[in-house]
Amino acid sequence: MNFTAMVVDVLKSIPHGKVATYGQIATLAGNRFGARQVVWILNSLSEKEKLPWHRVINSQGRISLKRGAGYEHQKKLLLEEGIKFDKADKINFKLFLWQPKLFSRA
């Protein structure tokens, strides 16, 4: 299975009410240096593959999209799943970061 297909599988595995980082997804898909590729895959395949793009955030626990360019929509979707933000608009990884026990790359 190629990296793109593996990223799609990982993305589809992020459960409701949890978030993952770009780097975490890349690592689970087999390339710990592939975070930028994950961004490209999300941009190009989210709609076609019905990916839960809104569950992907940066390593600082923040939404990467700019205000007025998708930020508000992503935050709304995360809030609807019960994900909370602190006063600095960060997500608490201890509570909401997806921690897969084992990810099968079949």
N, C-alpha and C. Protein backbone atom coordinates (compact mmCIF):
# COMPACT_ATOMS: atom_id res chain seq x y z
N MET A 1 0.85 -1.17 0.00
CA MET A 1 0.00 0.00 0.00
C MET A 1 0.90 1.24 0.00
N ASN A 2 0.58 2.22 -0.82
CA ASN A 2 1.41 3.42 -0.89
C ASN A 2 1.08 4.40 0.24
N PHE A 3 1.92 5.40 0.40
CA PHE A 3 1.78 6.34 1.50
C PHE A 3 0.42 7.05 1.49
N THR A 4 -0.02 7.49 0.33
CA THR A 4 -1.30 8.19 0.24
C THR A 4 -2.44 7.30 0.74
N ALA A 5 -2.48 6.07 0.29
CA ALA A 5 -3.53 5.14 0.72
C ALA A 5 -3.45 4.89 2.22
N MET A 6 -2.24 4.80 2.73
CA MET A 6 -2.09 4.58 4.17
C MET A 6 -2.55 5.81 4.96
N VAL A 7 -2.25 7.00 4.48
CA VAL A 7 -2.71 8.22 5.14
C VAL A 7 -4.24 8.25 5.15
N VAL A 8 -4.85 7.93 4.04
CA VAL A 8 -6.32 7.91 3.97
C VAL A 8 -6.88 6.94 5.01
N ASP A 9 -6.30 5.76 5.12
CA ASP A 9 -6.75 4.78 6.12
C ASP A 9 -6.61 5.32 7.54
N VAL A 10 -5.47 5.94 7.82
CA VAL A 10 -5.26 6.51 9.16
C VAL A 10 -6.29 7.60 9.43
N LEU A 11 -6.48 8.50 8.48
CA LEU A 11 -7.44 9.59 8.65
C LEU A 11 -8.85 9.06 8.93
N LYS A 12 -9.24 8.04 8.21
CA LYS A 12 -10.59 7.47 8.41
C LYS A 12 -10.72 6.78 9.76
N SER A 13 -9.60 6.51 10.42
CA SER A 13 -9.62 5.82 11.71
C SER A 13 -9.70 6.76 12.91
N ILE A 14 -9.53 8.07 12.69
CA ILE A 14 -9.58 9.01 13.81
C ILE A 14 -11.01 9.03 14.34
N PRO A 15 -11.20 8.66 15.59
CA PRO A 15 -12.57 8.57 16.11
C PRO A 15 -13.21 9.93 16.40
N HIS A 16 -14.51 9.93 16.39
CA HIS A 16 -15.33 11.08 16.77
C HIS A 16 -14.87 11.56 18.15
N GLY A 17 -14.70 12.86 18.31
CA GLY A 17 -14.32 13.41 19.60
C GLY A 17 -12.83 13.38 19.89
N LYS A 18 -12.02 13.02 18.90
CA LYS A 18 -10.57 12.99 19.06
C LYS A 18 -9.93 13.76 17.91
N VAL A 19 -8.68 14.21 18.13
CA VAL A 19 -7.92 14.88 17.09
C VAL A 19 -6.59 14.16 16.91
N ALA A 20 -5.97 14.42 15.78
CA ALA A 20 -4.64 13.90 15.48
C ALA A 20 -3.84 15.03 14.84
N THR A 21 -2.53 14.94 14.93
CA THR A 21 -1.69 15.95 14.31
C THR A 21 -1.22 15.46 12.93
N TYR A 22 -0.80 16.40 12.11
CA TYR A 22 -0.30 16.05 10.78
C TYR A 22 0.88 15.08 10.90
N GLY A 23 1.80 15.37 11.81
CA GLY A 23 2.96 14.52 12.00
C GLY A 23 2.60 13.14 12.53
N GLN A 24 1.65 13.09 13.43
CA GLN A 24 1.19 11.81 13.97
C GLN A 24 0.63 10.93 12.86
N ILE A 25 -0.17 11.53 11.99
CA ILE A 25 -0.76 10.78 10.88
C ILE A 25 0.34 10.28 9.95
N ALA A 26 1.29 11.15 9.63
CA ALA A 26 2.40 10.74 8.77
C ALA A 26 3.17 9.58 9.37
N THR A 27 3.45 9.65 10.66
CA THR A 27 4.19 8.58 11.33
C THR A 27 3.41 7.28 11.30
N LEU A 28 2.12 7.34 11.61
CA LEU A 28 1.30 6.13 11.58
C LEU A 28 1.21 5.53 10.18
N ALA A 29 1.32 6.39 9.16
CA ALA A 29 1.26 5.92 7.78
C ALA A 29 2.62 5.46 7.26
N GLY A 30 3.66 5.59 8.10
CA GLY A 30 4.96 5.05 7.72
C GLY A 30 6.03 6.03 7.31
N ASN A 31 5.78 7.35 7.43
CA ASN A 31 6.79 8.34 7.07
C ASN A 31 6.75 9.48 8.07
N ARG A 32 7.58 9.41 9.08
CA ARG A 32 7.53 10.42 10.14
C ARG A 32 7.89 11.81 9.65
N PHE A 33 8.41 11.93 8.45
CA PHE A 33 8.74 13.23 7.88
C PHE A 33 7.71 13.69 6.85
N GLY A 34 6.56 13.04 6.80
CA GLY A 34 5.57 13.29 5.76
C GLY A 34 4.42 14.20 6.13
N ALA A 35 4.58 15.04 7.15
CA ALA A 35 3.46 15.90 7.59
C ALA A 35 2.96 16.81 6.47
N ARG A 36 3.86 17.35 5.68
CA ARG A 36 3.42 18.23 4.58
C ARG A 36 2.67 17.46 3.51
N GLN A 37 3.05 16.20 3.32
CA GLN A 37 2.30 15.36 2.38
C GLN A 37 0.89 15.12 2.91
N VAL A 38 0.76 14.98 4.22
CA VAL A 38 -0.57 14.79 4.81
C VAL A 38 -1.44 16.01 4.51
N VAL A 39 -0.87 17.20 4.61
CA VAL A 39 -1.60 18.43 4.28
C VAL A 39 -2.08 18.36 2.83
N TRP A 40 -1.21 17.99 1.94
CA TRP A 40 -1.57 17.91 0.51
C TRP A 40 -2.69 16.87 0.29
N ILE A 41 -2.57 15.72 0.94
CA ILE A 41 -3.59 14.67 0.81
C ILE A 41 -4.93 15.17 1.33
N LEU A 42 -4.93 15.84 2.47
CA LEU A 42 -6.17 16.40 3.00
C LEU A 42 -6.78 17.41 2.03
N ASN A 43 -5.95 18.28 1.47
CA ASN A 43 -6.45 19.29 0.53
C ASN A 43 -7.01 18.67 -0.74
N SER A 44 -6.41 17.59 -1.19
CA SER A 44 -6.82 17.04 -2.49
C SER A 44 -7.85 15.92 -2.39
N LEU A 45 -7.94 15.23 -1.27
CA LEU A 45 -8.80 14.05 -1.20
C LEU A 45 -9.90 14.09 -0.15
N SER A 46 -9.97 15.12 0.68
CA SER A 46 -10.95 15.13 1.77
C SER A 46 -12.38 14.96 1.29
N GLU A 47 -12.76 15.71 0.28
CA GLU A 47 -14.14 15.63 -0.21
C GLU A 47 -14.40 14.29 -0.90
N LYS A 48 -13.52 13.90 -1.80
CA LYS A 48 -13.69 12.66 -2.56
C LYS A 48 -13.74 11.43 -1.65
N GLU A 49 -12.87 11.38 -0.65
CA GLU A 49 -12.78 10.23 0.25
C GLU A 49 -13.61 10.38 1.52
N LYS A 50 -14.29 11.53 1.65
CA LYS A 50 -15.09 11.82 2.84
C LYS A 50 -14.25 11.68 4.12
N LEU A 51 -13.11 12.36 4.11
CA LEU A 51 -12.17 12.29 5.23
C LEU A 51 -12.58 13.24 6.36
N PRO A 52 -12.35 12.86 7.60
CA PRO A 52 -12.66 13.74 8.72
C PRO A 52 -11.55 14.78 8.90
N TRP A 53 -11.38 15.62 7.91
CA TRP A 53 -10.30 16.61 7.85
C TRP A 53 -10.29 17.52 9.07
N HIS A 54 -11.46 17.78 9.62
CA HIS A 54 -11.56 18.72 10.74
C HIS A 54 -10.90 18.20 12.01
N ARG A 55 -10.62 16.91 12.08
CA ARG A 55 -9.99 16.30 13.26
C ARG A 55 -8.46 16.39 13.23
N VAL A 56 -7.93 17.04 12.22
CA VAL A 56 -6.47 17.14 12.09
C VAL A 56 -6.04 18.57 12.43
N ILE A 57 -5.11 18.65 13.41
CA ILE A 57 -4.63 19.94 13.88
C ILE A 57 -3.10 19.92 13.91
N ASN A 58 -2.51 21.05 14.24
CA ASN A 58 -1.04 21.09 14.27
C ASN A 58 -0.48 20.59 15.59
N SER A 59 0.82 20.48 15.65
CA SER A 59 1.48 19.89 16.82
C SER A 59 1.43 20.78 18.06
N GLN A 60 0.99 22.02 17.90
CA GLN A 60 0.82 22.91 19.04
C GLN A 60 -0.58 22.82 19.64
N GLY A 61 -1.42 21.96 19.05
CA GLY A 61 -2.78 21.81 19.54
C GLY A 61 -3.73 22.87 19.00
N ARG A 62 -3.37 23.45 17.88
CA ARG A 62 -4.18 24.52 17.29
C ARG A 62 -4.65 24.16 15.88
N ILE A 63 -5.69 24.83 15.48
CA ILE A 63 -6.17 24.74 14.10
C ILE A 63 -5.20 25.51 13.21
N SER A 64 -4.79 24.91 12.11
CA SER A 64 -3.82 25.56 11.22
C SER A 64 -4.46 26.53 10.24
N LEU A 65 -5.73 26.34 9.95
CA LEU A 65 -6.40 27.23 9.00
C LEU A 65 -6.49 28.63 9.57
N LYS A 66 -6.43 29.60 8.69
CA LYS A 66 -6.51 31.00 9.09
C LYS A 66 -7.97 31.40 9.35
N ARG A 67 -8.14 32.39 10.20
CA ARG A 67 -9.48 32.94 10.44
C ARG A 67 -10.00 33.51 9.13
N GLY A 68 -11.25 33.22 8.84
CA GLY A 68 -11.86 33.66 7.59
C GLY A 68 -11.55 32.75 6.42
N ALA A 69 -10.74 31.70 6.64
CA ALA A 69 -10.37 30.78 5.57
C ALA A 69 -10.55 29.33 6.03
N GLY A 70 -11.61 29.10 6.79
CA GLY A 70 -11.91 27.74 7.23
C GLY A 70 -11.75 27.49 8.72
N TYR A 71 -11.04 28.39 9.41
CA TYR A 71 -10.80 28.23 10.84
C TYR A 71 -12.11 28.07 11.62
N GLU A 72 -13.03 28.98 11.39
CA GLU A 72 -14.29 28.99 12.15
C GLU A 72 -15.10 27.72 11.89
N HIS A 73 -15.11 27.26 10.66
CA HIS A 73 -15.86 26.05 10.31
C HIS A 73 -15.25 24.83 11.00
N GLN A 74 -13.92 24.72 10.97
CA GLN A 74 -13.26 23.59 11.61
C GLN A 74 -13.51 23.62 13.12
N LYS A 75 -13.40 24.79 13.73
CA LYS A 75 -13.62 24.89 15.17
C LYS A 75 -15.06 24.50 15.52
N LYS A 76 -16.01 24.93 14.72
CA LYS A 76 -17.42 24.58 14.94
C LYS A 76 -17.62 23.07 14.90
N LEU A 77 -17.02 22.41 13.91
CA LEU A 77 -17.15 20.96 13.79
C LEU A 77 -16.53 20.24 14.99
N LEU A 78 -15.38 20.73 15.44
CA LEU A 78 -14.73 20.12 16.60
C LEU A 78 -15.55 20.34 17.87
N LEU A 79 -16.07 21.53 18.06
CA LEU A 79 -16.92 21.80 19.22
C LEU A 79 -18.15 20.91 19.22
N GLU A 80 -18.72 20.68 18.05
CA GLU A 80 -19.90 19.80 17.94
C GLU A 80 -19.57 18.36 18.35
N GLU A 81 -18.30 17.97 18.26
CA GLU A 81 -17.89 16.63 18.67
C GLU A 81 -17.46 16.60 20.14
N GLY A 82 -17.60 17.73 20.83
CA GLY A 82 -17.28 17.77 22.25
C GLY A 82 -15.84 18.15 22.56
N ILE A 83 -15.08 18.51 21.54
CA ILE A 83 -13.69 18.91 21.75
C ILE A 83 -13.69 20.36 22.25
N LYS A 84 -12.95 20.58 23.32
CA LYS A 84 -12.93 21.89 23.94
C LYS A 84 -11.60 22.60 23.67
N PHE A 85 -11.68 23.92 23.65
CA PHE A 85 -10.53 24.78 23.45
C PHE A 85 -10.31 25.60 24.71
N ASP A 86 -9.04 25.86 25.03
CA ASP A 86 -8.77 26.72 26.18
C ASP A 86 -8.82 28.19 25.75
N LYS A 87 -8.50 29.08 26.68
CA LYS A 87 -8.59 30.53 26.39
C LYS A 87 -7.62 30.95 25.29
N ALA A 88 -6.56 30.17 25.07
CA ALA A 88 -5.59 30.47 24.02
C ALA A 88 -5.94 29.76 22.71
N ASP A 89 -7.14 29.17 22.66
CA ASP A 89 -7.63 28.45 21.48
C ASP A 89 -6.85 27.18 21.17
N LYS A 90 -6.33 26.56 22.22
CA LYS A 90 -5.60 25.30 22.07
C LYS A 90 -6.46 24.14 22.57
N ILE A 91 -6.19 22.98 22.01
CA ILE A 91 -6.86 21.75 22.41
C ILE A 91 -5.93 21.00 23.35
N ASN A 92 -6.47 20.51 24.44
CA ASN A 92 -5.69 19.76 25.43
C ASN A 92 -5.44 18.35 24.89
N PHE A 93 -4.18 18.06 24.57
CA PHE A 93 -3.83 16.75 24.03
C PHE A 93 -4.09 15.62 25.03
N LYS A 94 -3.95 15.90 26.31
CA LYS A 94 -4.19 14.84 27.30
C LYS A 94 -5.62 14.34 27.24
N LEU A 95 -6.54 15.21 26.87
CA LEU A 95 -7.95 14.83 26.80
C LEU A 95 -8.40 14.40 25.42
N PHE A 96 -7.88 15.03 24.38
CA PHE A 96 -8.48 14.86 23.06
C PHE A 96 -7.57 14.28 21.97
N LEU A 97 -6.29 14.09 22.24
CA LEU A 97 -5.43 13.53 21.21
C LEU A 97 -5.70 12.04 21.06
N TRP A 98 -5.90 11.62 19.84
CA TRP A 98 -6.12 10.21 19.53
C TRP A 98 -4.86 9.43 19.83
N GLN A 99 -4.99 8.38 20.59
CA GLN A 99 -3.86 7.53 20.96
C GLN A 99 -4.16 6.09 20.54
N PRO A 100 -3.98 5.77 19.26
CA PRO A 100 -4.26 4.39 18.83
C PRO A 100 -3.31 3.42 19.49
N LYS A 101 -3.86 2.34 20.01
CA LYS A 101 -3.02 1.32 20.65
C LYS A 101 -2.14 0.61 19.62
N LEU A 102 -2.76 0.33 18.50
CA LEU A 102 -2.07 -0.39 17.42
C LEU A 102 -2.75 0.00 16.14
N PHE A 103 -1.98 0.33 15.13
CA PHE A 103 -2.59 0.66 13.84
C PHE A 103 -2.08 -0.34 12.82
N SER A 104 -3.02 -1.06 12.24
CA SER A 104 -2.68 -2.09 11.26
C SER A 104 -2.52 -1.47 9.89
N ARG A 105 -1.39 -1.72 9.26
CA ARG A 105 -1.14 -1.23 7.89
C ARG A 105 -1.30 -2.37 6.90
N ALA A 106 -2.47 -2.96 6.88
CA ALA A 106 -2.73 -4.12 6.01
C ALA A 106 -2.83 -3.71 4.56
